């Protein structure tokens, strides 16, 4: 989400006074700590139905979150614009 082409997430982070680079670094660091599957047979793994459902549900949830983030971004921008006018 931090690398989204629309820049929506970056705009929200910046509008809230956060640092996109700090968050990106923290995410990269956390990912590097995750276990990695290596060795023979690691390419032939298959998902159970339950895990596949979790992934499918996460895709739907991600879409819903993007919609909510977009609405939040619009609200934040409108609020900032309103404050600038006043």
PDB file of N, CA and C in Angstrom:
ATOM      1  N   UNK A   1       0.819  -1.190   0.000  1.00  0.00           N
ATOM      2  CA  UNK A   1       0.000   0.000   0.000  1.00  0.00           C
ATOM      3  C   UNK A   1       0.866   1.257   0.000  1.00  0.00           C
ATOM      4  N   UNK A   2       2.051   1.143   0.599  1.00  0.00           N
ATOM      5  CA  UNK A   2       2.933   2.312   0.631  1.00  0.00           C
ATOM      6  C   UNK A   2       3.460   2.667  -0.750  1.00  0.00           C
ATOM      7  N   UNK A   3       3.459   1.691  -1.659  1.00  0.00           N
ATOM      8  CA  UNK A   3       3.971   1.927  -3.002  1.00  0.00           C
ATOM      9  C   UNK A   3       2.848   2.111  -4.018  1.00  0.00           C
ATOM     10  N   UNK A   4       1.650   2.312  -3.561  1.00  0.00           N
ATOM     11  CA  UNK A   4       0.496   2.488  -4.432  1.00  0.00           C
ATOM     12  C   UNK A   4       0.720   3.688  -5.345  1.00  0.00           C
ATOM     13  N   UNK A   5       0.449   3.492  -6.638  1.00  0.00           N
ATOM     14  CA  UNK A   5       0.695   4.543  -7.631  1.00  0.00           C
ATOM     15  C   UNK A   5      -0.140   5.801  -7.410  1.00  0.00           C
ATOM     16  N   UNK A   6      -1.311   5.651  -6.814  1.00  0.00           N
ATOM     17  CA  UNK A   6      -2.179   6.813  -6.622  1.00  0.00           C
ATOM     18  C   UNK A   6      -1.633   7.762  -5.556  1.00  0.00           C
ATOM     19  N   UNK A   7      -0.778   7.249  -4.671  1.00  0.00           N
ATOM     20  CA  UNK A   7      -0.208   8.094  -3.625  1.00  0.00           C
ATOM     21  C   UNK A   7      -1.165   8.359  -2.483  1.00  0.00           C
ATOM     22  N   UNK A   8      -2.287   7.664  -2.462  1.00  0.00           N
ATOM     23  CA  UNK A   8      -3.318   7.897  -1.450  1.00  0.00           C
ATOM     24  C   UNK A   8      -2.786   7.656  -0.039  1.00  0.00           C
ATOM     25  N   UNK A   9      -2.134   6.520   0.163  1.00  0.00           N
ATOM     26  CA  UNK A   9      -1.647   6.183   1.501  1.00  0.00           C
ATOM     27  C   UNK A   9      -0.562   7.166   1.929  1.00  0.00           C
ATOM     28  N   UNK A  10       0.338   7.500   1.012  1.00  0.00           N
ATOM     29  CA  UNK A  10       1.392   8.458   1.346  1.00  0.00           C
ATOM     30  C   UNK A  10       0.793   9.807   1.730  1.00  0.00           C
ATOM     31  N   UNK A  11      -0.213  10.237   1.004  1.00  0.00           N
ATOM     32  CA  UNK A  11      -0.876  11.513   1.312  1.00  0.00           C
ATOM     33  C   UNK A  11      -1.501  11.486   2.704  1.00  0.00           C
ATOM     34  N   UNK A  12      -2.144  10.359   3.036  1.00  0.00           N
ATOM     35  CA  UNK A  12      -2.772  10.242   4.355  1.00  0.00           C
ATOM     36  C   UNK A  12      -1.718  10.279   5.467  1.00  0.00           C
ATOM     37  N   UNK A  13      -0.625   9.557   5.257  1.00  0.00           N
ATOM     38  CA  UNK A  13       0.439   9.531   6.261  1.00  0.00           C
ATOM     39  C   UNK A  13       1.018  10.926   6.438  1.00  0.00           C
ATOM     40  N   UNK A  14       1.298  11.596   5.332  1.00  0.00           N
ATOM     41  CA  UNK A  14       1.856  12.952   5.405  1.00  0.00           C
ATOM     42  C   UNK A  14       0.873  13.930   6.044  1.00  0.00           C
ATOM     43  N   UNK A  15      -0.414  13.808   5.716  1.00  0.00           N
ATOM     44  CA  UNK A  15      -1.428  14.713   6.277  1.00  0.00           C
ATOM     45  C   UNK A  15      -1.551  14.544   7.788  1.00  0.00           C
ATOM     46  N   UNK A  16      -1.230  13.345   8.255  1.00  0.00           N
ATOM     47  CA  UNK A  16      -1.299  13.080   9.694  1.00  0.00           C
ATOM     48  C   UNK A  16       0.021  13.354  10.391  1.00  0.00           C
ATOM     49  N   UNK A  17       0.994  13.868   9.639  1.00  0.00           N
ATOM     50  CA  UNK A  17       2.287  14.204  10.226  1.00  0.00           C
ATOM     51  C   UNK A  17       3.240  13.038  10.353  1.00  0.00           C
ATOM     52  N   UNK A  18       2.954  11.934   9.678  1.00  0.00           N
ATOM     53  CA  UNK A  18       3.819  10.762   9.738  1.00  0.00           C
ATOM     54  C   UNK A  18       4.925  10.812   8.703  1.00  0.00           C
ATOM     55  N   UNK A  19       5.811   9.855   8.783  1.00  0.00           N
ATOM     56  CA  UNK A  19       6.931   9.750   7.856  1.00  0.00           C
ATOM     57  C   UNK A  19       6.776   8.478   7.031  1.00  0.00           C
ATOM     58  N   UNK A  20       6.550   8.644   5.738  1.00  0.00           N
ATOM     59  CA  UNK A  20       6.390   7.500   4.847  1.00  0.00           C
ATOM     60  C   UNK A  20       7.658   6.651   4.858  1.00  0.00           C
ATOM     61  N   UNK A  21       8.814   7.289   4.833  1.00  0.00           N
ATOM     62  CA  UNK A  21      10.080   6.564   4.807  1.00  0.00           C
ATOM     63  C   UNK A  21      10.271   5.729   6.077  1.00  0.00           C
ATOM     64  N   UNK A  22       9.934   6.292   7.237  1.00  0.00           N
ATOM     65  CA  UNK A  22      10.057   5.546   8.498  1.00  0.00           C
ATOM     66  C   UNK A  22       9.154   4.319   8.507  1.00  0.00           C
ATOM     67  N   UNK A  23       7.943   4.484   8.024  1.00  0.00           N
ATOM     68  CA  UNK A  23       7.000   3.370   7.976  1.00  0.00           C
ATOM     69  C   UNK A  23       7.488   2.320   6.983  1.00  0.00           C
ATOM     70  N   UNK A  24       7.954   2.764   5.831  1.00  0.00           N
ATOM     71  CA  UNK A  24       8.474   1.843   4.823  1.00  0.00           C
ATOM     72  C   UNK A  24       9.664   1.057   5.367  1.00  0.00           C
ATOM     73  N   UNK A  25      10.567   1.730   6.060  1.00  0.00           N
ATOM     74  CA  UNK A  25      11.723   1.057   6.657  1.00  0.00           C
ATOM     75  C   UNK A  25      11.289   0.033   7.701  1.00  0.00           C
ATOM     76  N   UNK A  26      10.300   0.385   8.508  1.00  0.00           N
ATOM     77  CA  UNK A  26       9.804  -0.530   9.538  1.00  0.00           C
ATOM     78  C   UNK A  26       9.153  -1.761   8.912  1.00  0.00           C
ATOM     79  N   UNK A  27       8.402  -1.559   7.842  1.00  0.00           N
ATOM     80  CA  UNK A  27       7.764  -2.678   7.150  1.00  0.00           C
ATOM     81  C   UNK A  27       8.827  -3.590   6.544  1.00  0.00           C
ATOM     82  N   UNK A  28       9.820  -3.005   5.877  1.00  0.00           N
ATOM     83  CA  UNK A  28      10.902  -3.802   5.297  1.00  0.00           C
ATOM     84  C   UNK A  28      11.632  -4.605   6.358  1.00  0.00           C
ATOM     85  N   UNK A  29      11.883  -3.995   7.490  1.00  0.00           N
ATOM     86  CA  UNK A  29      12.570  -4.672   8.590  1.00  0.00           C
ATOM     87  C   UNK A  29      11.731  -5.840   9.121  1.00  0.00           C
ATOM     88  N   UNK A  30      10.430  -5.620   9.258  1.00  0.00           N
ATOM     89  CA  UNK A  30       9.543  -6.679   9.752  1.00  0.00           C
ATOM     90  C   UNK A  30       9.466  -7.840   8.760  1.00  0.00           C
ATOM     91  N   UNK A  31       9.433  -7.528   7.474  1.00  0.00           N
ATOM     92  CA  UNK A  31       9.370  -8.573   6.451  1.00  0.00           C
ATOM     93  C   UNK A  31      10.641  -9.423   6.465  1.00  0.00           C
ATOM     94  N   UNK A  32      11.787  -8.786   6.661  1.00  0.00           N
ATOM     95  CA  UNK A  32      13.061  -9.516   6.689  1.00  0.00           C
ATOM     96  C   UNK A  32      13.129 -10.490   7.859  1.00  0.00           C
ATOM     97  N   UNK A  33      12.343 -10.254   8.905  1.00  0.00           N
ATOM     98  CA  UNK A  33      12.340 -11.128  10.079  1.00  0.00           C
ATOM     99  C   UNK A  33      11.423 -12.342   9.909  1.00  0.00           C
ATOM    100  N   UNK A  34      10.594 -12.336   8.873  1.00  0.00           N
ATOM    101  CA  UNK A  34       9.678 -13.456   8.652  1.00  0.00           C
ATOM    102  C   UNK A  34      10.439 -14.690   8.184  1.00  0.00           C
ATOM    103  N   UNK A  35       9.967 -15.876   8.557  1.00  0.00           N
ATOM    104  CA  UNK A  35      10.636 -17.099   8.106  1.00  0.00           C
ATOM    105  C   UNK A  35      10.514 -17.276   6.591  1.00  0.00           C
ATOM    106  N   UNK A  36      11.513 -17.932   6.020  1.00  0.00           N
ATOM    107  CA  UNK A  36      11.554 -18.168   4.579  1.00  0.00           C
ATOM    108  C   UNK A  36      11.610 -19.674   4.343  1.00  0.00           C
ATOM    109  N   UNK A  37      10.855 -20.159   3.384  1.00  0.00           N
ATOM    110  CA  UNK A  37      10.878 -21.575   3.035  1.00  0.00           C
ATOM    111  C   UNK A  37      11.921 -21.767   1.944  1.00  0.00           C
ATOM    112  N   UNK A  38      12.885 -22.650   2.200  1.00  0.00           N
ATOM    113  CA  UNK A  38      13.951 -22.909   1.244  1.00  0.00           C
ATOM    114  C   UNK A  38      14.154 -24.409   1.098  1.00  0.00           C
ATOM    115  N   UNK A  39      14.903 -24.767   0.083  1.00  0.00           N
ATOM    116  CA  UNK A  39      15.283 -26.161  -0.089  1.00  0.00           C
ATOM    117  C   UNK A  39      14.396 -26.906  -1.061  1.00  0.00           C
ATOM    118  N   UNK A  40      14.684 -28.205  -1.219  1.00  0.00           N
ATOM    119  CA  UNK A  40      13.920 -29.029  -2.166  1.00  0.00           C
ATOM    120  C   UNK A  40      12.445 -29.085  -1.784  1.00  0.00           C
ATOM    121  N   UNK A  41      11.602 -28.974  -2.777  1.00  0.00           N
ATOM    122  CA  UNK A  41      10.165 -29.075  -2.541  1.00  0.00           C
ATOM    123  C   UNK A  41       9.499 -27.782  -2.125  1.00  0.00           C
ATOM    124  N   UNK A  42      10.285 -26.731  -1.914  1.00  0.00           N
ATOM    125  CA  UNK A  42       9.673 -25.484  -1.449  1.00  0.00           C
ATOM    126  C   UNK A  42       8.820 -24.827  -2.517  1.00  0.00           C
ATOM    127  N   UNK A  43       9.059 -25.153  -3.775  1.00  0.00           N
ATOM    128  CA  UNK A  43       8.266 -24.560  -4.859  1.00  0.00           C
ATOM    129  C   UNK A  43       6.975 -25.303  -5.120  1.00  0.00           C
ATOM    130  N   UNK A  44       6.798 -26.470  -4.523  1.00  0.00           N
ATOM    131  CA  UNK A  44       5.634 -27.282  -4.803  1.00  0.00           C
ATOM    132  C   UNK A  44       4.577 -27.227  -3.719  1.00  0.00           C
ATOM    133  N   UNK A  45       4.601 -26.208  -2.903  1.00  0.00           N
ATOM    134  CA  UNK A  45       3.633 -26.102  -1.822  1.00  0.00           C
ATOM    135  C   UNK A  45       2.252 -25.753  -2.367  1.00  0.00           C
ATOM    136  N   UNK A  46       1.242 -26.298  -1.730  1.00  0.00           N
ATOM    137  CA  UNK A  46      -0.131 -25.975  -2.108  1.00  0.00           C
ATOM    138  C   UNK A  46      -0.889 -25.516  -0.869  1.00  0.00           C
ATOM    139  N   UNK A  47      -1.853 -24.633  -1.098  1.00  0.00           N
ATOM    140  CA  UNK A  47      -2.645 -24.101   0.008  1.00  0.00           C
ATOM    141  C   UNK A  47      -3.833 -25.003   0.300  1.00  0.00           C
ATOM    142  N   UNK A  48      -4.166 -25.085   1.568  1.00  0.00           N
ATOM    143  CA  UNK A  48      -5.400 -25.776   1.935  1.00  0.00           C
ATOM    144  C   UNK A  48      -6.573 -24.876   1.545  1.00  0.00           C
ATOM    145  N   UNK A  49      -7.757 -25.444   1.508  1.00  0.00           N
ATOM    146  CA  UNK A  49      -8.949 -24.644   1.178  1.00  0.00           C
ATOM    147  C   UNK A  49      -9.140 -23.508   2.182  1.00  0.00           C
ATOM    148  N   UNK A  50      -8.859 -23.814   3.445  1.00  0.00           N
ATOM    149  CA  UNK A  50      -9.053 -22.808   4.487  1.00  0.00           C
ATOM    150  C   UNK A  50      -8.114 -21.621   4.290  1.00  0.00           C
ATOM    151  N   UNK A  51      -6.849 -21.918   4.002  1.00  0.00           N
ATOM    152  CA  UNK A  51      -5.874 -20.840   3.792  1.00  0.00           C
ATOM    153  C   UNK A  51      -6.194 -20.064   2.518  1.00  0.00           C
ATOM    154  N   UNK A  52      -6.596 -20.773   1.467  1.00  0.00           N
ATOM    155  CA  UNK A  52      -6.979 -20.093   0.227  1.00  0.00           C
ATOM    156  C   UNK A  52      -8.131 -19.131   0.474  1.00  0.00           C
ATOM    157  N   UNK A  53      -9.085 -19.550   1.320  1.00  0.00           N
ATOM    158  CA  UNK A  53     -10.224 -18.687   1.670  1.00  0.00           C
ATOM    159  C   UNK A  53      -9.754 -17.456   2.428  1.00  0.00           C
ATOM    160  N   UNK A  54      -8.774 -17.634   3.320  1.00  0.00           N
ATOM    161  CA  UNK A  54      -8.226 -16.493   4.055  1.00  0.00           C
ATOM    162  C   UNK A  54      -7.633 -15.481   3.076  1.00  0.00           C
ATOM    163  N   UNK A  55      -6.877 -15.966   2.094  1.00  0.00           N
ATOM    164  CA  UNK A  55      -6.290 -15.066   1.107  1.00  0.00           C
ATOM    165  C   UNK A  55      -7.366 -14.366   0.281  1.00  0.00           C
ATOM    166  N   UNK A  56      -8.374 -15.111  -0.137  1.00  0.00           N
ATOM    167  CA  UNK A  56      -9.460 -14.509  -0.910  1.00  0.00           C
ATOM    168  C   UNK A  56     -10.167 -13.430  -0.091  1.00  0.00           C
ATOM    169  N   UNK A  57     -10.449 -13.739   1.172  1.00  0.00           N
ATOM    170  CA  UNK A  57     -11.099 -12.762   2.043  1.00  0.00           C
ATOM    171  C   UNK A  57     -10.232 -11.532   2.256  1.00  0.00           C
ATOM    172  N   UNK A  58      -8.917 -11.740   2.344  1.00  0.00           N
ATOM    173  CA  UNK A  58      -8.021 -10.598   2.555  1.00  0.00           C
ATOM    174  C   UNK A  58      -8.011  -9.671   1.347  1.00  0.00           C
ATOM    175  N   UNK A  59      -8.165 -10.234   0.155  1.00  0.00           N
ATOM    176  CA  UNK A  59      -8.227  -9.393  -1.046  1.00  0.00           C
ATOM    177  C   UNK A  59      -9.481  -8.522  -1.014  1.00  0.00           C
ATOM    178  N   UNK A  60     -10.607  -9.122  -0.634  1.00  0.00           N
ATOM    179  CA  UNK A  60     -11.859  -8.356  -0.515  1.00  0.00           C
ATOM    180  C   UNK A  60     -11.706  -7.274   0.544  1.00  0.00           C
ATOM    181  N   UNK A  61     -11.126  -7.638   1.683  1.00  0.00           N
ATOM    182  CA  UNK A  61     -10.927  -6.678   2.761  1.00  0.00           C
ATOM    183  C   UNK A  61     -10.007  -5.543   2.327  1.00  0.00           C
ATOM    184  N   UNK A  62      -8.957  -5.875   1.575  1.00  0.00           N
ATOM    185  CA  UNK A  62      -8.038  -4.847   1.085  1.00  0.00           C
ATOM    186  C   UNK A  62      -8.781  -3.837   0.209  1.00  0.00           C
ATOM    187  N   UNK A  63      -9.654  -4.328  -0.646  1.00  0.00           N
ATOM    188  CA  UNK A  63     -10.435  -3.419  -1.499  1.00  0.00           C
ATOM    189  C   UNK A  63     -11.317  -2.500  -0.655  1.00  0.00           C
ATOM    190  N   UNK A  64     -11.945  -3.073   0.368  1.00  0.00           N
ATOM    191  CA  UNK A  64     -12.795  -2.275   1.244  1.00  0.00           C
ATOM    192  C   UNK A  64     -11.970  -1.225   1.995  1.00  0.00           C
ATOM    193  N   UNK A  65     -10.800  -1.617   2.445  1.00  0.00           N
ATOM    194  CA  UNK A  65      -9.930  -0.680   3.166  1.00  0.00           C
ATOM    195  C   UNK A  65      -9.497   0.451   2.247  1.00  0.00           C
ATOM    196  N   UNK A  66      -9.173   0.125   0.993  1.00  0.00           N
ATOM    197  CA  UNK A  66      -8.774   1.176   0.052  1.00  0.00           C
ATOM    198  C   UNK A  66      -9.904   2.187  -0.141  1.00  0.00           C
ATOM    199  N   UNK A  67     -11.136   1.687  -0.195  1.00  0.00           N
ATOM    200  CA  UNK A  67     -12.281   2.592  -0.343  1.00  0.00           C
ATOM    201  C   UNK A  67     -12.388   3.495   0.883  1.00  0.00           C
ATOM    202  N   UNK A  68     -12.232   2.909   2.078  1.00  0.00           N
ATOM    203  CA  UNK A  68     -12.314   3.706   3.303  1.00  0.00           C
ATOM    204  C   UNK A  68     -11.168   4.713   3.380  1.00  0.00           C
ATOM    205  N   UNK A  69      -9.972   4.307   2.961  1.00  0.00           N
ATOM    206  CA  UNK A  69      -8.835   5.228   2.966  1.00  0.00           C
ATOM    207  C   UNK A  69      -9.060   6.375   1.983  1.00  0.00           C
ATOM    208  N   UNK A  70      -9.639   6.054   0.841  1.00  0.00           N
ATOM    209  CA  UNK A  70      -9.933   7.094  -0.138  1.00  0.00           C
ATOM    210  C   UNK A  70     -10.920   8.101   0.443  1.00  0.00           C
ATOM    211  N   UNK A  71     -11.964   7.596   1.087  1.00  0.00           N
ATOM    212  CA  UNK A  71     -12.952   8.500   1.697  1.00  0.00           C
ATOM    213  C   UNK A  71     -12.316   9.324   2.812  1.00  0.00           C
ATOM    214  N   UNK A  72     -11.442   8.700   3.614  1.00  0.00           N
ATOM    215  CA  UNK A  72     -10.756   9.420   4.677  1.00  0.00           C
ATOM    216  C   UNK A  72      -9.844  10.501   4.099  1.00  0.00           C
ATOM    217  N   UNK A  73      -9.167  10.177   3.019  1.00  0.00           N
ATOM    218  CA  UNK A  73      -8.294  11.150   2.368  1.00  0.00           C
ATOM    219  C   UNK A  73      -9.099  12.346   1.862  1.00  0.00           C
ATOM    220  N   UNK A  74     -10.230  12.067   1.245  1.00  0.00           N
ATOM    221  CA  UNK A  74     -11.083  13.148   0.740  1.00  0.00           C
ATOM    222  C   UNK A  74     -11.554  14.019   1.901  1.00  0.00           C
ATOM    223  N   UNK A  75     -11.957  13.386   3.007  1.00  0.00           N
ATOM    224  CA  UNK A  75     -12.408  14.126   4.181  1.00  0.00           C
ATOM    225  C   UNK A  75     -11.272  14.984   4.745  1.00  0.00           C
ATOM    226  N   UNK A  76     -10.064  14.393   4.865  1.00  0.00           N
ATOM    227  CA  UNK A  76      -8.918  15.147   5.408  1.00  0.00           C
ATOM    228  C   UNK A  76      -8.582  16.338   4.528  1.00  0.00           C
ATOM    229  N   UNK A  77      -8.560  16.104   3.231  1.00  0.00           N
ATOM    230  CA  UNK A  77      -8.246  17.200   2.306  1.00  0.00           C
ATOM    231  C   UNK A  77      -9.299  18.304   2.388  1.00  0.00           C
ATOM    232  N   UNK A  78     -10.560  17.897   2.473  1.00  0.00           N
ATOM    233  CA  UNK A  78     -11.633  18.889   2.575  1.00  0.00           C
ATOM    234  C   UNK A  78     -11.505  19.675   3.881  1.00  0.00           C
ATOM    235  N   UNK A  79     -11.178  18.972   4.961  1.00  0.00           N
ATOM    236  CA  UNK A  79     -11.019  19.630   6.261  1.00  0.00           C
ATOM    237  C   UNK A  79      -9.858  20.619   6.235  1.00  0.00           C
ATOM    238  N   UNK A  80      -8.745  20.191   5.649  1.00  0.00           N
ATOM    239  CA  UNK A  80      -7.578  21.082   5.551  1.00  0.00           C
ATOM    240  C   UNK A  80      -7.892  22.293   4.681  1.00  0.00           C
ATOM    241  N   UNK A  81      -8.607  22.042   3.590  1.00  0.00           N
ATOM    242  CA  UNK A  81      -8.977  23.136   2.701  1.00  0.00           C
ATOM    243  C   UNK A  81      -9.904  24.116   3.413  1.00  0.00           C
ATOM    244  N   UNK A  82     -10.836  23.591   4.183  1.00  0.00           N
ATOM    245  CA  UNK A  82     -11.765  24.434   4.934  1.00  0.00           C
ATOM    246  C   UNK A  82     -11.018  25.299   5.948  1.00  0.00           C
ATOM    247  N   UNK A  83     -10.024  24.705   6.645  1.00  0.00           N
ATOM    248  CA  UNK A  83      -9.239  25.453   7.629  1.00  0.00           C
ATOM    249  C   UNK A  83      -8.427  26.550   6.949  1.00  0.00           C
ATOM    250  N   UNK A  84      -7.933  26.263   5.755  1.00  0.00           N
ATOM    251  CA  UNK A  84      -7.119  27.253   5.044  1.00  0.00           C
ATOM    252  C   UNK A  84      -7.968  28.438   4.619  1.00  0.00           C
ATOM    253  N   UNK A  85      -9.232  28.168   4.277  1.00  0.00           N
ATOM    254  CA  UNK A  85     -10.137  29.240   3.842  1.00  0.00           C
ATOM    255  C   UNK A  85     -10.518  30.120   5.018  1.00  0.00           C
ATOM    256  N   UNK A  86     -10.727  29.485   6.186  1.00  0.00           N
ATOM    257  CA  UNK A  86     -11.148  30.244   7.364  1.00  0.00           C
ATOM    258  C   UNK A  86      -9.951  30.997   7.873  1.00  0.00           C
TER     259      UNK A  86
END
